[in-house]
Amino acid sequence: MKVSVVIPCYNEKAAIEKIVEAVRSAAIGSREIIVVDDGSQDRTQAVLKENVSKIAARERL
């Protein structure tokens, strides 16, 4: 069974990587992580695209 984890965020540039990493590290079998950014103004989207997306791409290999 796949577990879907939805992470809502708004202006979480400083914490979003740690939050996603905590979910990735959780003892859950099959999972998908969905991050929903509600129009952040502090580069949260850039952090997600630049850093978190690269981690996800490596995991798919």
PDB file of N, CA and C in Angstrom:
ATOM      1  N   MET A   1       0.837  -1.166   0.000  1.00  0.00           N
ATOM      2  CA  MET A   1       0.000   0.000   0.000  1.00  0.00           C
ATOM      3  C   MET A   1       0.894   1.246   0.000  1.00  0.00           C
ATOM      4  N   LYS A   2       0.580   2.190  -0.837  1.00  0.00           N
ATOM      5  CA  LYS A   2       1.336   3.432  -0.920  1.00  0.00           C
ATOM      6  C   LYS A   2       0.700   4.482  -0.016  1.00  0.00           C
ATOM      7  N   VAL A   3       1.548   5.196   0.724  1.00  0.00           N
ATOM      8  CA  VAL A   3       1.099   6.271   1.592  1.00  0.00           C
ATOM      9  C   VAL A   3       1.435   7.591   0.908  1.00  0.00           C
ATOM     10  N   SER A   4       0.462   8.480   0.823  1.00  0.00           N
ATOM     11  CA  SER A   4       0.683   9.815   0.271  1.00  0.00           C
ATOM     12  C   SER A   4       0.792  10.806   1.431  1.00  0.00           C
ATOM     13  N   VAL A   5       1.886  11.565   1.431  1.00  0.00           N
ATOM     14  CA  VAL A   5       2.109  12.572   2.465  1.00  0.00           C
ATOM     15  C   VAL A   5       2.042  13.931   1.784  1.00  0.00           C
ATOM     16  N   VAL A   6       1.106  14.754   2.210  1.00  0.00           N
ATOM     17  CA  VAL A   6       0.938  16.087   1.640  1.00  0.00           C
ATOM     18  C   VAL A   6       1.507  17.095   2.637  1.00  0.00           C
ATOM     19  N   ILE A   7       2.443  17.916   2.135  1.00  0.00           N
ATOM     20  CA  ILE A   7       3.089  18.920   2.978  1.00  0.00           C
ATOM     21  C   ILE A   7       2.695  20.301   2.463  1.00  0.00           C
ATOM     22  N   PRO A   8       1.783  20.982   3.141  1.00  0.00           N
ATOM     23  CA  PRO A   8       1.477  22.360   2.742  1.00  0.00           C
ATOM     24  C   PRO A   8       2.570  23.294   3.266  1.00  0.00           C
ATOM     25  N   CYS A   9       2.927  24.285   2.478  1.00  0.00           N
ATOM     26  CA  CYS A   9       3.952  25.216   2.959  1.00  0.00           C
ATOM     27  C   CYS A   9       3.688  26.626   2.443  1.00  0.00           C
ATOM     28  N   TYR A  10       4.137  27.571   3.214  1.00  0.00           N
ATOM     29  CA  TYR A  10       4.077  28.981   2.847  1.00  0.00           C
ATOM     30  C   TYR A  10       5.238  29.680   3.527  1.00  0.00           C
ATOM     31  N   ASN A  11       6.148  30.227   2.744  1.00  0.00           N
ATOM     32  CA  ASN A  11       7.337  30.906   3.256  1.00  0.00           C
ATOM     33  C   ASN A  11       8.111  30.023   4.238  1.00  0.00           C
ATOM     34  N   GLU A  12       8.486  28.838   3.775  1.00  0.00           N
ATOM     35  CA  GLU A  12       9.231  27.876   4.592  1.00  0.00           C
ATOM     36  C   GLU A  12      10.619  27.603   4.025  1.00  0.00           C
ATOM     37  N   LYS A  13      11.219  28.609   3.391  1.00  0.00           N
ATOM     38  CA  LYS A  13      12.537  28.444   2.760  1.00  0.00           C
ATOM     39  C   LYS A  13      13.548  27.814   3.713  1.00  0.00           C
ATOM     40  N   ALA A  14      13.551  28.255   4.939  1.00  0.00           N
ATOM     41  CA  ALA A  14      14.549  27.787   5.893  1.00  0.00           C
ATOM     42  C   ALA A  14      14.305  26.362   6.379  1.00  0.00           C
ATOM     43  N   ALA A  15      13.093  25.857   6.255  1.00  0.00           N
ATOM     44  CA  ALA A  15      12.777  24.560   6.859  1.00  0.00           C
ATOM     45  C   ALA A  15      12.320  23.485   5.885  1.00  0.00           C
ATOM     46  N   ILE A  16      11.953  23.831   4.661  1.00  0.00           N
ATOM     47  CA  ILE A  16      11.292  22.855   3.786  1.00  0.00           C
ATOM     48  C   ILE A  16      12.168  21.651   3.475  1.00  0.00           C
ATOM     49  N   GLU A  17      13.456  21.837   3.284  1.00  0.00           N
ATOM     50  CA  GLU A  17      14.333  20.689   3.027  1.00  0.00           C
ATOM     51  C   GLU A  17      14.351  19.735   4.220  1.00  0.00           C
ATOM     52  N   LYS A  18      14.424  20.260   5.422  1.00  0.00           N
ATOM     53  CA  LYS A  18      14.436  19.418   6.624  1.00  0.00           C
ATOM     54  C   LYS A  18      13.121  18.680   6.791  1.00  0.00           C
ATOM     55  N   ILE A  19      12.032  19.348   6.462  1.00  0.00           N
ATOM     56  CA  ILE A  19      10.708  18.722   6.571  1.00  0.00           C
ATOM     57  C   ILE A  19      10.599  17.558   5.597  1.00  0.00           C
ATOM     58  N   VAL A  20      10.977  17.788   4.348  1.00  0.00           N
ATOM     59  CA  VAL A  20      10.904  16.724   3.342  1.00  0.00           C
ATOM     60  C   VAL A  20      11.841  15.580   3.735  1.00  0.00           C
ATOM     61  N   GLU A  21      13.022  15.887   4.203  1.00  0.00           N
ATOM     62  CA  GLU A  21      13.974  14.855   4.626  1.00  0.00           C
ATOM     63  C   GLU A  21      13.423  14.039   5.783  1.00  0.00           C
ATOM     64  N   ALA A  22      12.732  14.675   6.714  1.00  0.00           N
ATOM     65  CA  ALA A  22      12.132  13.946   7.842  1.00  0.00           C
ATOM     66  C   ALA A  22      11.085  12.953   7.354  1.00  0.00           C
ATOM     67  N   VAL A  23      10.293  13.361   6.381  1.00  0.00           N
ATOM     68  CA  VAL A  23       9.287  12.448   5.821  1.00  0.00           C
ATOM     69  C   VAL A  23       9.971  11.315   5.061  1.00  0.00           C
ATOM     70  N   ARG A  24      11.013  11.639   4.294  1.00  0.00           N
ATOM     71  CA  ARG A  24      11.749  10.621   3.545  1.00  0.00           C
ATOM     72  C   ARG A  24      12.379   9.597   4.486  1.00  0.00           C
ATOM     73  N   SER A  25      12.801  10.033   5.654  1.00  0.00           N
ATOM     74  CA  SER A  25      13.484   9.154   6.606  1.00  0.00           C
ATOM     75  C   SER A  25      12.527   8.319   7.452  1.00  0.00           C
ATOM     76  N   ALA A  26      11.262   8.642   7.411  1.00  0.00           N
ATOM     77  CA  ALA A  26      10.279   7.928   8.237  1.00  0.00           C
ATOM     78  C   ALA A  26      10.197   6.462   7.820  1.00  0.00           C
ATOM     79  N   ALA A  27       9.904   5.621   8.778  1.00  0.00           N
ATOM     80  CA  ALA A  27       9.805   4.188   8.532  1.00  0.00           C
ATOM     81  C   ALA A  27       8.468   3.859   7.873  1.00  0.00           C
ATOM     82  N   ILE A  28       8.362   4.268   6.619  1.00  0.00           N
ATOM     83  CA  ILE A  28       7.160   4.018   5.824  1.00  0.00           C
ATOM     84  C   ILE A  28       7.610   3.259   4.588  1.00  0.00           C
ATOM     85  N   GLY A  29       6.872   2.254   4.202  1.00  0.00           N
ATOM     86  CA  GLY A  29       7.240   1.486   3.021  1.00  0.00           C
ATOM     87  C   GLY A  29       7.184   2.324   1.761  1.00  0.00           C
ATOM     88  N   SER A  30       6.215   2.091   0.961  1.00  0.00           N
ATOM     89  CA  SER A  30       6.046   2.825  -0.287  1.00  0.00           C
ATOM     90  C   SER A  30       5.321   4.141  -0.005  1.00  0.00           C
ATOM     91  N   ARG A  31       5.879   5.236  -0.532  1.00  0.00           N
ATOM     92  CA  ARG A  31       5.272   6.533  -0.245  1.00  0.00           C
ATOM     93  C   ARG A  31       5.501   7.489  -1.399  1.00  0.00           C
ATOM     94  N   GLU A  32       4.654   8.496  -1.428  1.00  0.00           N
ATOM     95  CA  GLU A  32       4.865   9.636  -2.310  1.00  0.00           C
ATOM     96  C   GLU A  32       4.751  10.876  -1.448  1.00  0.00           C
ATOM     97  N   ILE A  33       5.564  11.872  -1.782  1.00  0.00           N
ATOM     98  CA  ILE A  33       5.557  13.126  -1.023  1.00  0.00           C
ATOM     99  C   ILE A  33       5.094  14.225  -1.960  1.00  0.00           C
ATOM    100  N   ILE A  34       4.043  14.911  -1.562  1.00  0.00           N
ATOM    101  CA  ILE A  34       3.477  15.996  -2.354  1.00  0.00           C
ATOM    102  C   ILE A  34       3.628  17.278  -1.546  1.00  0.00           C
ATOM    103  N   VAL A  35       4.352  18.242  -2.119  1.00  0.00           N
ATOM    104  CA  VAL A  35       4.536  19.522  -1.444  1.00  0.00           C
ATOM    105  C   VAL A  35       3.673  20.551  -2.167  1.00  0.00           C
ATOM    106  N   VAL A  36       2.816  21.226  -1.425  1.00  0.00           N
ATOM    107  CA  VAL A  36       1.927  22.244  -1.981  1.00  0.00           C
ATOM    108  C   VAL A  36       2.349  23.597  -1.426  1.00  0.00           C
ATOM    109  N   ASP A  37       2.858  24.442  -2.310  1.00  0.00           N
ATOM    110  CA  ASP A  37       3.302  25.773  -1.910  1.00  0.00           C
ATOM    111  C   ASP A  37       2.195  26.775  -2.229  1.00  0.00           C
ATOM    112  N   ASP A  38       1.776  27.518  -1.235  1.00  0.00           N
ATOM    113  CA  ASP A  38       0.665  28.458  -1.398  1.00  0.00           C
ATOM    114  C   ASP A  38       1.166  29.873  -1.716  1.00  0.00           C
ATOM    115  N   GLY A  39       2.022  29.989  -2.738  1.00  0.00           N
ATOM    116  CA  GLY A  39       2.449  31.309  -3.197  1.00  0.00           C
ATOM    117  C   GLY A  39       3.507  31.963  -2.338  1.00  0.00           C
ATOM    118  N   SER A  40       4.443  31.165  -1.834  1.00  0.00           N
ATOM    119  CA  SER A  40       5.503  31.715  -0.989  1.00  0.00           C
ATOM    120  C   SER A  40       6.232  32.863  -1.672  1.00  0.00           C
ATOM    121  N   GLN A  41       6.672  33.812  -0.857  1.00  0.00           N
ATOM    122  CA  GLN A  41       7.407  34.977  -1.352  1.00  0.00           C
ATOM    123  C   GLN A  41       8.879  34.937  -0.948  1.00  0.00           C
ATOM    124  N   ASP A  42       9.332  33.850  -0.361  1.00  0.00           N
ATOM    125  CA  ASP A  42      10.685  33.816   0.213  1.00  0.00           C
ATOM    126  C   ASP A  42      11.619  32.789  -0.432  1.00  0.00           C
ATOM    127  N   ARG A  43      11.424  32.443  -1.652  1.00  0.00           N
ATOM    128  CA  ARG A  43      12.243  31.471  -2.383  1.00  0.00           C
ATOM    129  C   ARG A  43      11.991  30.024  -1.976  1.00  0.00           C
ATOM    130  N   THR A  44      10.893  29.729  -1.313  1.00  0.00           N
ATOM    131  CA  THR A  44      10.575  28.342  -0.997  1.00  0.00           C
ATOM    132  C   THR A  44      10.496  27.520  -2.274  1.00  0.00           C
ATOM    133  N   GLN A  45       9.839  28.042  -3.292  1.00  0.00           N
ATOM    134  CA  GLN A  45       9.718  27.316  -4.558  1.00  0.00           C
ATOM    135  C   GLN A  45      11.075  27.044  -5.175  1.00  0.00           C
ATOM    136  N   ALA A  46      11.975  27.999  -5.106  1.00  0.00           N
ATOM    137  CA  ALA A  46      13.316  27.814  -5.661  1.00  0.00           C
ATOM    138  C   ALA A  46      14.059  26.700  -4.922  1.00  0.00           C
ATOM    139  N   VAL A  47      13.943  26.659  -3.609  1.00  0.00           N
ATOM    140  CA  VAL A  47      14.586  25.600  -2.825  1.00  0.00           C
ATOM    141  C   VAL A  47      14.030  24.247  -3.227  1.00  0.00           C
ATOM    142  N   LEU A  48      12.719  24.174  -3.397  1.00  0.00           N
ATOM    143  CA  LEU A  48      12.101  22.914  -3.817  1.00  0.00           C
ATOM    144  C   LEU A  48      12.612  22.485  -5.188  1.00  0.00           C
ATOM    145  N   LYS A  49      12.655  23.407  -6.124  1.00  0.00           N
ATOM    146  CA  LYS A  49      13.102  23.078  -7.481  1.00  0.00           C
ATOM    147  C   LYS A  49      14.586  22.745  -7.526  1.00  0.00           C
ATOM    148  N   GLU A  50      15.403  23.522  -6.849  1.00  0.00           N
ATOM    149  CA  GLU A  50      16.853  23.375  -6.936  1.00  0.00           C
ATOM    150  C   GLU A  50      17.390  22.213  -6.116  1.00  0.00           C
ATOM    151  N   ASN A  51      16.843  21.992  -4.951  1.00  0.00           N
ATOM    152  CA  ASN A  51      17.422  20.998  -4.041  1.00  0.00           C
ATOM    153  C   ASN A  51      16.575  19.745  -3.889  1.00  0.00           C
ATOM    154  N   VAL A  52      15.327  19.912  -3.543  1.00  0.00           N
ATOM    155  CA  VAL A  52      14.473  18.760  -3.265  1.00  0.00           C
ATOM    156  C   VAL A  52      14.179  17.976  -4.539  1.00  0.00           C
ATOM    157  N   SER A  53      13.970  18.634  -5.655  1.00  0.00           N
ATOM    158  CA  SER A  53      13.705  17.938  -6.910  1.00  0.00           C
ATOM    159  C   SER A  53      14.875  17.066  -7.325  1.00  0.00           C
ATOM    160  N   LYS A  54      16.104  17.502  -7.073  1.00  0.00           N
ATOM    161  CA  LYS A  54      17.287  16.715  -7.418  1.00  0.00           C
ATOM    162  C   LYS A  54      17.335  15.425  -6.609  1.00  0.00           C
ATOM    163  N   ILE A  55      16.961  15.501  -5.349  1.00  0.00           N
ATOM    164  CA  ILE A  55      16.936  14.308  -4.498  1.00  0.00           C
ATOM    165  C   ILE A  55      15.912  13.317  -5.042  1.00  0.00           C
ATOM    166  N   ALA A  56      14.735  13.808  -5.397  1.00  0.00           N
ATOM    167  CA  ALA A  56      13.684  12.944  -5.927  1.00  0.00           C
ATOM    168  C   ALA A  56      14.123  12.289  -7.232  1.00  0.00           C
ATOM    169  N   ALA A  57      14.795  13.033  -8.083  1.00  0.00           N
ATOM    170  CA  ALA A  57      15.249  12.492  -9.367  1.00  0.00           C
ATOM    171  C   ALA A  57      16.268  11.380  -9.139  1.00  0.00           C
ATOM    172  N   ARG A  58      17.170  11.542  -8.195  1.00  0.00           N
ATOM    173  CA  ARG A  58      18.172  10.498  -7.891  1.00  0.00           C
ATOM    174  C   ARG A  58      17.498   9.251  -7.371  1.00  0.00           C
ATOM    175  N   GLU A  59      16.441   9.396  -6.583  1.00  0.00           N
ATOM    176  CA  GLU A  59      15.764   8.231  -6.018  1.00  0.00           C
ATOM    177  C   GLU A  59      15.061   7.409  -7.087  1.00  0.00           C
ATOM    178  N   ARG A  60      14.643   8.047  -8.163  1.00  0.00           N
ATOM    179  CA  ARG A  60      13.943   7.330  -9.223  1.00  0.00           C
ATOM    180  C   ARG A  60      14.889   6.456 -10.049  1.00  0.00           C
ATOM    181  N   LEU A  61      16.177   6.741  -9.998  1.00  0.00           N
ATOM    182  CA  LEU A  61      17.163   5.973 -10.797  1.00  0.00           C
ATOM    183  C   LEU A  61      17.339   4.571 -10.291  1.00  0.00           C
TER     184      LEU A  61
END
